């Protein structure tokens, strides 16, 4: 009787566990093409083709009568969703890392007085963090160049 071991079988197995297909490559290349429309969607489109104007009139009439869902639907189509707004925030000029403290103080004060939202303040703080990293990287590169004797270091 031959020796049967599950461990040996698992080691000799050619099956790939997890993702059996290469990333970005379909398991069915002859399958449904991208962007193709579902049959149900096509059927609904054909049925509603001549009724669009009547349906819109009906929804507007329901909204004017006070139907909350119809009202919401109309308002969502009339008023675009609120996106980010430009911020009017006076920040002190930032020339080096020491100036970031003043800018962060101005951002904190603007959030505290309510002229910008806490979320906008968070975005501005992250922007300041990125700015300080850029200043530090530039300063590091300038100092490294000076140490290596590779050229003029500017105003060091």
Protein backbone atom coordinates (compact mmCIF):
# COMPACT_ATOMS: atom_id res chain seq x y z
CA UNK A 1 0.00 0.00 0.00
CA UNK A 2 1.52 3.35 -1.02
CA UNK A 3 2.09 5.92 1.68
CA UNK A 4 -0.39 8.76 1.40
CA UNK A 5 0.47 12.01 3.10
CA UNK A 6 -1.66 15.14 3.00
CA UNK A 7 1.42 17.23 3.56
CA UNK A 8 3.14 15.81 0.46
CA UNK A 9 -0.05 16.28 -1.56
CA UNK A 10 -0.28 19.92 -0.51
CA UNK A 11 3.35 20.54 -1.44
CA UNK A 12 2.96 18.94 -4.88
CA UNK A 13 -0.32 20.69 -5.65
CA UNK A 14 -0.21 23.25 -8.48
CA UNK A 15 -3.32 25.13 -7.28
CA UNK A 16 -2.81 28.76 -6.44
CA UNK A 17 -4.50 29.83 -3.26
CA UNK A 18 -6.09 33.26 -2.98
CA UNK A 19 -6.05 34.96 -6.37
CA UNK A 20 -6.02 32.38 -9.14
CA UNK A 21 -5.65 35.02 -11.89
CA UNK A 22 -3.00 37.62 -12.54
CA UNK A 23 -3.83 41.07 -11.26
CA UNK A 24 -5.47 43.18 -13.96
CA UNK A 25 -6.29 40.20 -16.14
CA UNK A 26 -9.78 38.77 -16.36
CA UNK A 27 -10.54 35.12 -15.74
CA UNK A 28 -13.00 35.38 -18.62
CA UNK A 29 -11.47 37.62 -21.32
CA UNK A 30 -14.38 36.95 -23.67
CA UNK A 31 -16.88 38.04 -21.02
CA UNK A 32 -19.13 41.08 -20.86
CA UNK A 33 -17.41 44.17 -22.28
CA UNK A 34 -16.83 47.21 -20.07
CA UNK A 35 -19.54 49.85 -20.26
CA UNK A 36 -22.16 47.54 -21.69
CA UNK A 37 -25.67 48.28 -20.48
CA UNK A 38 -27.71 45.81 -18.49
CA UNK A 39 -30.77 44.39 -20.31
CA UNK A 40 -33.11 45.59 -17.56
CA UNK A 41 -31.72 49.12 -17.88
CA UNK A 42 -32.23 49.04 -21.64
CA UNK A 43 -35.81 47.79 -21.22
CA UNK A 44 -36.59 50.52 -18.68
CA UNK A 45 -35.14 53.13 -21.04
CA UNK A 46 -37.33 51.94 -23.91
CA UNK A 47 -40.45 51.96 -21.73
CA UNK A 48 -39.76 55.47 -20.37
CA UNK A 49 -38.65 57.01 -23.67
CA UNK A 50 -41.88 58.86 -24.44
CA UNK A 51 -42.88 59.48 -20.82
CA UNK A 52 -39.99 61.59 -19.51
CA UNK A 53 -41.78 64.94 -19.74
CA UNK A 54 -44.95 63.61 -18.11
CA UNK A 55 -42.96 61.99 -15.29
CA UNK A 56 -41.01 65.18 -14.61
CA UNK A 57 -44.24 67.19 -14.53
CA UNK A 58 -45.76 64.66 -12.09
CA UNK A 59 -42.75 64.76 -9.75
CA UNK A 60 -42.77 68.57 -9.75
CA UNK A 61 -46.52 68.59 -9.03
CA UNK A 62 -46.03 66.14 -6.14
CA UNK A 63 -43.19 68.27 -4.76
CA UNK A 64 -45.35 71.39 -4.94
CA UNK A 65 -48.10 69.50 -3.09
CA UNK A 66 -45.64 68.76 -0.27
CA UNK A 67 -44.48 65.20 -0.96
CA UNK A 68 -41.13 65.08 0.88
CA UNK A 69 -39.50 62.49 -1.40
CA UNK A 70 -40.51 64.34 -4.56
CA UNK A 71 -39.36 67.61 -3.03
CA UNK A 72 -36.01 66.10 -2.13
CA UNK A 73 -35.63 64.65 -5.62
CA UNK A 74 -36.34 68.03 -7.22
CA UNK A 75 -34.00 69.93 -4.90
CA UNK A 76 -31.18 67.44 -5.45
CA UNK A 77 -31.49 68.04 -9.19
CA UNK A 78 -31.81 71.83 -8.96
CA UNK A 79 -29.11 72.56 -6.37
CA UNK A 80 -25.75 70.93 -6.98
CA UNK A 81 -24.21 69.14 -4.01
CA UNK A 82 -22.00 71.45 -1.99
CA UNK A 83 -18.36 71.10 -2.84
CA UNK A 84 -15.32 72.61 -1.27
CA UNK A 85 -15.31 76.35 -1.10
CA UNK A 86 -12.32 78.63 -1.43
CA UNK A 87 -11.05 79.78 1.95
CA UNK A 88 -10.40 83.42 2.74
CA UNK A 89 -7.77 83.13 5.44
CA UNK A 90 -5.01 85.62 6.14
CA UNK A 91 -1.88 83.66 7.00
CA UNK A 92 1.47 85.21 7.85
CA UNK A 93 4.16 84.73 5.20
CA UNK A 94 6.02 81.41 5.58
CA UNK A 95 9.70 81.46 4.72
CA UNK A 96 11.07 78.81 7.07
CA UNK A 97 10.00 76.24 9.66
CA UNK A 98 9.75 78.86 12.42
CA UNK A 99 6.97 80.67 10.53
CA UNK A 100 4.69 77.61 10.60
CA UNK A 101 3.75 78.24 14.25
CA UNK A 102 2.22 81.61 13.33
CA UNK A 103 0.30 80.07 10.43
CA UNK A 104 -1.04 77.26 12.64
CA UNK A 105 -2.07 79.87 15.21
CA UNK A 106 -4.02 81.76 12.54
CA UNK A 107 -5.74 78.53 11.41
CA UNK A 108 -6.66 77.62 14.99
CA UNK A 109 -8.03 81.11 15.62
CA UNK A 110 -10.13 80.96 12.43
CA UNK A 111 -11.64 77.63 13.51
CA UNK A 112 -12.29 78.99 17.03
CA UNK A 113 -14.09 82.08 15.75
CA UNK A 114 -16.09 80.04 13.22
CA UNK A 115 -14.85 81.63 10.01
CA UNK A 116 -13.72 78.20 8.79
CA UNK A 117 -15.04 74.76 9.73
CA UNK A 118 -13.00 72.30 11.80
CA UNK A 119 -12.71 70.10 8.69
CA UNK A 120 -11.31 72.99 6.69
CA UNK A 121 -8.91 73.74 9.54
CA UNK A 122 -7.76 70.12 9.47
CA UNK A 123 -7.11 70.33 5.72
CA UNK A 124 -5.15 73.55 6.20
CA UNK A 125 -3.12 71.96 9.02
CA UNK A 126 -2.23 69.02 6.77
CA UNK A 127 -1.21 71.50 4.08
CA UNK A 128 1.09 73.19 6.60
CA UNK A 129 2.59 69.79 7.52
CA UNK A 130 3.34 69.11 3.85
CA UNK A 131 4.82 72.59 3.50
CA UNK A 132 7.10 72.10 6.50
CA UNK A 133 8.28 68.74 5.10
CA UNK A 134 9.12 70.46 1.81
CA UNK A 135 11.05 73.18 3.66
CA UNK A 136 12.93 70.57 5.70
CA UNK A 137 13.78 68.50 2.61
CA UNK A 138 15.07 71.58 0.79
CA UNK A 139 17.09 72.63 3.82
CA UNK A 140 18.51 69.12 4.22
CA UNK A 141 19.54 69.02 0.56
CA UNK A 142 21.17 72.45 0.81
CA UNK A 143 23.13 71.46 3.94
CA UNK A 144 24.19 68.13 2.41
CA UNK A 145 25.44 69.91 -0.70
CA UNK A 146 27.41 72.31 1.51
CA UNK A 147 28.96 69.45 3.52
CA UNK A 148 29.95 67.57 0.40
CA UNK A 149 31.58 70.73 -0.94
CA UNK A 150 29.56 70.46 -4.11
CA UNK A 151 28.82 74.12 -4.57
CA UNK A 152 27.54 77.35 -3.13
CA UNK A 153 25.09 76.78 -0.27
CA UNK A 154 23.43 80.16 -0.59
CA UNK A 155 22.69 81.98 2.66
CA UNK A 156 23.80 79.29 5.16
